[in-house]
Amino acid sequence: MNEQELKEFYNKGFLAFEKQNYDYAVDIFSQILSVQYDHLEARHYLHLSLQKNAEGSKASITSSINKLFLAMQAGGLLKKGDIPAGLEALEKIIASNPRDSETLKKIADIFYKKGMTSHAINNLEEARLANPKDIDVFKKLGELYVKKEDYPNAKAVYESALKIDPNDTDVMKSLKNLDALGTMKREFGS
């Protein structure tokens, strides 16, 4: 699939999403990701389509067993260096439970290790929405915003983390370091 075909296919998926044809959108975005695993927008809309499809349904025991199997499969594929197949296995977990913040964090970690910070941030933002009390998501998200030099978002994330646990020393330290960094940039113009 060339770039133009990929764009047209993405537009079809987006249109399906807008028309609330979530099954078709899932199919299209999954196919795009099988060709280009790092397509940020397709992954985002795949997750949104899966969430819309799952609204009102509850996770079953079968999905918990399936998650365990798929997580092991993904781990093996990732160890072999097959990132697209590993991500595909993790996406299957998301398909059965779109609000699985642990799997979203794993996906973010894969992208982070590949140097794809924007992809990692996107998945961590989804994990934060899925589980707004997971302070580890906030810590990692703050760290990534600092690496991208997006200090206002980093500060906002760290402050939100302190609302969850006002005594978290790691978050307090990160916030102080961020403030010190801001002071240095103002004073030295670097």
Protein backbone atom coordinates (compact mmCIF):
# COMPACT_ATOMS: atom_id res chain seq x y z
CA MET A 1 0.00 0.00 0.00
CA ASN A 2 1.58 3.30 -1.05
CA GLU A 3 1.25 6.59 0.86
CA GLN A 4 -1.72 7.82 -1.19
CA GLU A 5 -3.62 4.54 -0.77
CA LEU A 6 -2.87 4.60 2.94
CA LYS A 7 -4.25 8.13 3.23
CA GLU A 8 -7.41 7.21 1.32
CA PHE A 9 -7.85 4.12 3.48
CA TYR A 10 -7.39 6.21 6.62
CA ASN A 11 -10.02 8.68 5.38
CA LYS A 12 -12.47 5.77 4.88
CA GLY A 13 -11.79 4.63 8.43
CA PHE A 14 -12.26 8.12 9.80
CA LEU A 15 -15.53 8.48 7.90
CA ALA A 16 -16.71 5.12 9.27
CA PHE A 17 -15.81 6.33 12.77
CA GLU A 18 -17.73 9.58 12.30
CA LYS A 19 -20.76 7.64 11.03
CA GLN A 20 -20.50 5.44 14.14
CA ASN A 21 -19.80 2.33 12.06
CA TYR A 22 -17.23 1.24 14.63
CA ASP A 23 -16.83 -2.36 13.44
CA TYR A 24 -15.84 -1.17 9.98
CA ALA A 25 -13.58 1.50 11.45
CA VAL A 26 -11.84 -1.15 13.59
CA ASP A 27 -11.28 -3.29 10.49
CA ILE A 28 -9.83 -0.41 8.48
CA PHE A 29 -7.58 0.97 11.22
CA SER A 30 -6.35 -2.55 12.05
CA GLN A 31 -5.43 -3.09 8.41
CA ILE A 32 -3.58 0.23 8.30
CA LEU A 33 -1.61 -0.73 11.40
CA SER A 34 -0.73 -4.10 9.89
CA VAL A 35 0.98 -2.18 7.08
CA GLN A 36 2.33 0.76 9.09
CA TYR A 37 2.45 -0.07 12.81
CA ASP A 38 3.55 3.45 13.77
CA HIS A 39 0.57 5.27 12.21
CA LEU A 40 -0.33 7.40 15.23
CA GLU A 41 -3.76 8.59 14.11
CA ALA A 42 -4.89 5.13 12.99
CA ARG A 43 -3.93 3.67 16.37
CA HIS A 44 -5.73 6.46 18.18
CA TYR A 45 -8.93 6.00 16.20
CA LEU A 46 -8.66 2.22 16.49
CA HIS A 47 -8.67 2.58 20.27
CA LEU A 48 -11.56 5.06 20.18
CA SER A 49 -13.56 2.73 17.90
CA LEU A 50 -12.90 -0.19 20.22
CA GLN A 51 -14.01 1.86 23.21
CA LYS A 52 -17.23 2.88 21.44
CA ASN A 53 -17.90 -0.75 20.50
CA ALA A 54 -17.37 -1.89 24.10
CA GLU A 55 -19.56 0.75 25.77
CA GLY A 56 -21.95 -0.94 28.12
CA SER A 57 -20.30 -4.37 28.02
CA LYS A 58 -18.30 -5.90 30.85
CA ALA A 59 -15.09 -7.92 30.72
CA SER A 60 -15.66 -11.65 31.09
CA ILE A 61 -13.55 -14.42 32.59
CA THR A 62 -12.81 -15.55 29.05
CA SER A 63 -11.38 -12.14 28.22
CA SER A 64 -9.11 -12.34 31.30
CA ILE A 65 -7.76 -15.70 30.16
CA ASN A 66 -7.46 -14.37 26.62
CA LYS A 67 -5.55 -11.35 27.95
CA LEU A 68 -3.05 -13.57 29.72
CA PHE A 69 -2.48 -15.67 26.61
CA LEU A 70 -2.16 -12.64 24.33
CA ALA A 71 0.18 -10.86 26.75
CA MET A 72 2.47 -13.89 26.77
CA GLN A 73 2.31 -14.08 22.98
CA ALA A 74 3.08 -10.36 22.67
CA GLY A 75 6.02 -10.69 25.06
CA GLY A 76 7.49 -13.51 22.98
CA LEU A 77 7.06 -11.63 19.73
CA LEU A 78 8.61 -8.48 21.17
CA LYS A 79 11.60 -10.43 22.49
CA LYS A 80 12.12 -11.72 18.95
CA GLY A 81 12.03 -8.11 17.73
CA ASP A 82 8.76 -8.47 15.85
CA ILE A 83 7.25 -5.18 16.98
CA PRO A 84 4.31 -5.09 14.53
CA ALA A 85 3.14 -8.57 15.54
CA GLY A 86 3.69 -7.82 19.24
CA LEU A 87 1.64 -4.65 18.95
CA GLU A 88 -1.05 -6.55 17.07
CA ALA A 89 -1.32 -9.04 19.94
CA LEU A 90 -1.58 -6.19 22.45
CA GLU A 91 -4.25 -4.54 20.29
CA LYS A 92 -6.28 -7.75 20.57
CA ILE A 93 -6.24 -7.29 24.34
CA ILE A 94 -7.43 -3.71 23.85
CA ALA A 95 -10.19 -5.07 21.58
CA SER A 96 -11.61 -7.15 24.44
CA ASN A 97 -11.07 -4.39 27.03
CA PRO A 98 -10.44 -0.95 25.50
CA ARG A 99 -9.89 0.61 28.92
CA ASP A 100 -7.04 -1.73 29.88
CA SER A 101 -4.57 0.84 31.15
CA GLU A 102 -1.83 -1.74 31.75
CA THR A 103 -1.85 -2.79 28.10
CA LEU A 104 -1.93 0.84 26.97
CA LYS A 105 1.14 1.44 29.17
CA LYS A 106 2.89 -1.53 27.53
CA ILE A 107 2.14 -0.13 24.08
CA ALA A 108 3.47 3.26 25.19
CA ASP A 109 6.63 1.63 26.50
CA ILE A 110 7.25 -0.09 23.17
CA PHE A 111 7.02 3.22 21.35
CA TYR A 112 9.16 4.95 23.96
CA LYS A 113 11.91 2.35 23.51
CA LYS A 114 11.73 2.91 19.74
CA GLY A 115 12.23 6.66 20.28
CA MET A 116 8.67 7.48 19.23
CA THR A 117 7.83 9.86 22.07
CA SER A 118 4.63 11.27 20.55
CA HIS A 119 3.24 7.75 20.14
CA ALA A 120 4.17 6.91 23.72
CA ILE A 121 2.52 10.09 25.02
CA ASN A 122 -0.64 9.39 23.05
CA ASN A 123 -0.98 5.90 24.55
CA LEU A 124 -0.18 7.15 28.05
CA GLU A 125 -2.85 9.83 27.69
CA GLU A 126 -5.29 7.05 26.79
CA ALA A 127 -4.11 5.05 29.81
CA ARG A 128 -4.63 8.12 32.01
CA LEU A 129 -8.22 8.42 30.77
CA ALA A 130 -8.77 4.70 31.28
CA ASN A 131 -7.45 4.76 34.85
CA PRO A 132 -7.24 8.30 36.24
CA LYS A 133 -5.89 7.05 39.59
CA ASP A 134 -2.79 5.27 38.19
CA ILE A 135 -0.01 7.52 39.45
CA ASP A 136 2.61 5.58 37.47
CA VAL A 137 0.97 6.78 34.26
CA PHE A 138 1.25 10.37 35.46
CA LYS A 139 4.92 9.95 36.38
CA LYS A 140 5.87 8.48 33.01
CA LEU A 141 3.75 11.01 31.14
CA GLY A 142 5.41 13.88 33.01
CA GLU A 143 8.82 12.44 32.22
CA LEU A 144 8.00 12.22 28.51
CA TYR A 145 6.66 15.76 28.41
CA VAL A 146 9.92 16.95 29.99
CA LYS A 147 11.92 15.07 27.35
CA LYS A 148 9.86 16.79 24.66
CA GLU A 149 10.47 20.09 26.45
CA ASP A 150 6.71 20.54 26.86
CA TYR A 151 7.07 21.97 30.34
CA PRO A 152 3.52 23.31 30.80
CA ASN A 153 2.03 19.84 30.18
CA ALA A 154 4.69 18.22 32.35
CA LYS A 155 3.86 20.57 35.21
CA ALA A 156 0.11 19.99 34.80
CA VAL A 157 0.61 16.21 34.84
CA TYR A 158 2.81 16.32 37.93
CA GLU A 159 0.34 18.58 39.72
CA SER A 160 -2.47 16.16 38.84
CA ALA A 161 -0.38 13.31 40.23
CA LEU A 162 0.01 15.18 43.52
CA LYS A 163 -3.78 15.40 43.74
CA ILE A 164 -3.83 11.60 43.69
CA ASP A 165 -1.01 11.23 46.22
CA PRO A 166 0.17 14.49 47.80
CA ASN A 167 3.02 12.64 49.55
CA ASP A 168 4.61 10.98 46.52
CA THR A 169 8.26 11.97 46.85
CA ASP A 170 9.12 11.07 43.25
CA VAL A 171 6.47 13.42 41.91
CA MET A 172 7.47 16.20 44.31
CA LYS A 173 11.09 15.80 43.24
CA SER A 174 10.15 15.85 39.55
CA LEU A 175 8.09 19.01 40.06
CA LYS A 176 10.97 20.70 41.89
CA ASN A 177 13.38 19.69 39.13
CA LEU A 178 10.97 21.09 36.56
CA ASP A 179 10.72 24.38 38.45
CA ALA A 180 14.52 24.53 38.71
CA LEU A 181 14.81 23.87 34.98
CA GLY A 182 12.39 26.70 34.26
CA THR A 183 14.39 29.05 36.48
CA MET A 184 17.64 28.12 34.73
CA LYS A 185 16.10 28.68 31.31
CA ARG A 186 14.83 32.13 32.34
CA GLU A 187 18.13 33.17 33.94
CA PHE A 188 20.52 31.75 31.38
CA GLY A 189 18.32 31.81 28.30
CA SER A 190 19.22 28.26 27.29
